[in-house]
Amino acid sequence: RRGAGCDACFNTGFASRMSLTELLPISEEVREAVLVKQPSRTIQNLAVAVGMRTLWHSGVARARAGQTTLEEVARKVASDQL
């Protein structure tokens, strides 16, 4: 989906801002990985395995709900999240 744009939104099609969030649940596995200084990608993979929703997944959910576009999510979320 894409908004048509107007003078009020400077033809962007977006009326306001919203946040994309992720919350890292600290399971025992994630805690141990942090304590032994595992690489961040390893910690992220563990966190996703125990239920963390990444910024990318949060953005895709908002795009599916019609609140933004996948292009805007890809533009704003770091490329290593894709």
C-alpha atoms as a PDB file:
ATOM      1  CA  ARG A   1       0.000   0.000   0.000  1.00  0.00           C
ATOM      2  CA  ARG A   2       1.085   3.515  -0.577  1.00  0.00           C
ATOM      3  CA  GLY A   3      -0.557   6.796   0.406  1.00  0.00           C
ATOM      4  CA  ALA A   4      -1.466   9.158  -2.421  1.00  0.00           C
ATOM      5  CA  GLY A   5       0.138  12.157  -0.750  1.00  0.00           C
ATOM      6  CA  CYS A   6      -1.135  15.682  -0.312  1.00  0.00           C
ATOM      7  CA  ASP A   7       0.058  19.174   0.595  1.00  0.00           C
ATOM      8  CA  ALA A   8      -0.269  18.429   4.337  1.00  0.00           C
ATOM      9  CA  CYS A   9       2.174  15.483   4.154  1.00  0.00           C
ATOM     10  CA  PHE A  10       4.448  17.064   1.496  1.00  0.00           C
ATOM     11  CA  ASN A  11       3.304  14.331  -0.902  1.00  0.00           C
ATOM     12  CA  THR A  12       4.946  11.564   1.127  1.00  0.00           C
ATOM     13  CA  GLY A  13       1.726   9.672   1.830  1.00  0.00           C
ATOM     14  CA  PHE A  14       2.547   9.547   5.558  1.00  0.00           C
ATOM     15  CA  ALA A  15       0.488  11.479   8.095  1.00  0.00           C
ATOM     16  CA  SER A  16       2.632  10.932  11.195  1.00  0.00           C
ATOM     17  CA  ARG A  17       5.472   8.946  12.692  1.00  0.00           C
ATOM     18  CA  MET A  18       5.365   5.623  14.487  1.00  0.00           C
ATOM     19  CA  SER A  19       7.918   3.539  16.268  1.00  0.00           C
ATOM     20  CA  LEU A  20       9.250   0.137  15.384  1.00  0.00           C
ATOM     21  CA  THR A  21      10.404  -1.674  18.484  1.00  0.00           C
ATOM     22  CA  GLU A  22      12.085  -4.829  19.562  1.00  0.00           C
ATOM     23  CA  LEU A  23      12.397  -6.130  23.088  1.00  0.00           C
ATOM     24  CA  LEU A  24      15.116  -8.580  24.070  1.00  0.00           C
ATOM     25  CA  PRO A  25      13.687 -11.195  26.447  1.00  0.00           C
ATOM     26  CA  ILE A  26      16.470 -12.325  28.761  1.00  0.00           C
ATOM     27  CA  SER A  27      16.272 -16.092  28.872  1.00  0.00           C
ATOM     28  CA  GLU A  28      18.971 -18.125  30.556  1.00  0.00           C
ATOM     29  CA  GLU A  29      20.534 -18.887  27.155  1.00  0.00           C
ATOM     30  CA  VAL A  30      20.600 -15.215  26.157  1.00  0.00           C
ATOM     31  CA  ARG A  31      21.978 -14.196  29.554  1.00  0.00           C
ATOM     32  CA  GLU A  32      24.801 -16.726  29.291  1.00  0.00           C
ATOM     33  CA  ALA A  33      25.625 -15.648  25.730  1.00  0.00           C
ATOM     34  CA  VAL A  34      25.896 -12.015  26.857  1.00  0.00           C
ATOM     35  CA  LEU A  35      28.043 -12.919  29.872  1.00  0.00           C
ATOM     36  CA  VAL A  36      30.539 -14.873  27.771  1.00  0.00           C
ATOM     37  CA  LYS A  37      30.547 -12.095  25.159  1.00  0.00           C
ATOM     38  CA  GLN A  38      29.193 -14.066  22.229  1.00  0.00           C
ATOM     39  CA  PRO A  39      28.935 -12.168  18.914  1.00  0.00           C
ATOM     40  CA  SER A  40      25.837  -9.989  18.634  1.00  0.00           C
ATOM     41  CA  ARG A  41      24.477 -12.064  15.737  1.00  0.00           C
ATOM     42  CA  THR A  42      24.610 -15.183  17.946  1.00  0.00           C
ATOM     43  CA  ILE A  43      22.756 -13.359  20.721  1.00  0.00           C
ATOM     44  CA  GLN A  44      20.170 -12.092  18.247  1.00  0.00           C
ATOM     45  CA  ASN A  45      19.594 -15.594  16.857  1.00  0.00           C
ATOM     46  CA  LEU A  46      19.138 -16.957  20.381  1.00  0.00           C
ATOM     47  CA  ALA A  47      16.742 -14.139  21.243  1.00  0.00           C
ATOM     48  CA  VAL A  48      14.646 -14.731  18.123  1.00  0.00           C
ATOM     49  CA  ALA A  49      14.517 -18.438  19.003  1.00  0.00           C
ATOM     50  CA  VAL A  50      12.979 -17.578  22.397  1.00  0.00           C
ATOM     51  CA  GLY A  51      10.436 -15.140  20.973  1.00  0.00           C
ATOM     52  CA  MET A  52      12.049 -11.768  20.257  1.00  0.00           C
ATOM     53  CA  ARG A  53      10.413  -9.870  17.400  1.00  0.00           C
ATOM     54  CA  THR A  54      13.082  -7.976  15.457  1.00  0.00           C
ATOM     55  CA  LEU A  55      12.698  -4.454  14.090  1.00  0.00           C
ATOM     56  CA  TRP A  56      12.266  -5.971  10.633  1.00  0.00           C
ATOM     57  CA  HIS A  57       9.445  -8.256  11.784  1.00  0.00           C
ATOM     58  CA  SER A  58       7.802  -5.370  13.634  1.00  0.00           C
ATOM     59  CA  GLY A  59       7.972  -3.287  10.446  1.00  0.00           C
ATOM     60  CA  VAL A  60       6.552  -6.074   8.286  1.00  0.00           C
ATOM     61  CA  ALA A  61       3.649  -6.417  10.723  1.00  0.00           C
ATOM     62  CA  ARG A  62       2.955  -2.669  10.440  1.00  0.00           C
ATOM     63  CA  ALA A  63       3.149  -2.868   6.635  1.00  0.00           C
ATOM     64  CA  ARG A  64       0.674  -5.770   6.614  1.00  0.00           C
ATOM     65  CA  ALA A  65      -1.647  -3.669   8.780  1.00  0.00           C
ATOM     66  CA  GLY A  66      -1.469  -0.895   6.181  1.00  0.00           C
ATOM     67  CA  GLN A  67       0.314   1.530   8.532  1.00  0.00           C
ATOM     68  CA  THR A  68       3.441   1.874   6.368  1.00  0.00           C
ATOM     69  CA  THR A  69       5.075   0.347   3.293  1.00  0.00           C
ATOM     70  CA  LEU A  70       7.726  -2.342   2.988  1.00  0.00           C
ATOM     71  CA  GLU A  71       9.883   0.184   1.140  1.00  0.00           C
ATOM     72  CA  GLU A  72       9.788   2.537   4.123  1.00  0.00           C
ATOM     73  CA  VAL A  73      10.602  -0.298   6.527  1.00  0.00           C
ATOM     74  CA  ALA A  74      13.562  -1.393   4.374  1.00  0.00           C
ATOM     75  CA  ARG A  75      14.741   2.228   4.186  1.00  0.00           C
ATOM     76  CA  LYS A  76      14.692   2.694   7.967  1.00  0.00           C
ATOM     77  CA  VAL A  77      15.733  -0.711   9.330  1.00  0.00           C
ATOM     78  CA  ALA A  78      19.438  -1.579   9.257  1.00  0.00           C
ATOM     79  CA  SER A  79      20.352  -3.813   6.345  1.00  0.00           C
ATOM     80  CA  ASP A  80      21.647  -6.558   8.655  1.00  0.00           C
ATOM     81  CA  GLN A  81      18.075  -7.002   9.927  1.00  0.00           C
ATOM     82  CA  LEU A  82      16.759  -8.000   6.505  1.00  0.00           C
END
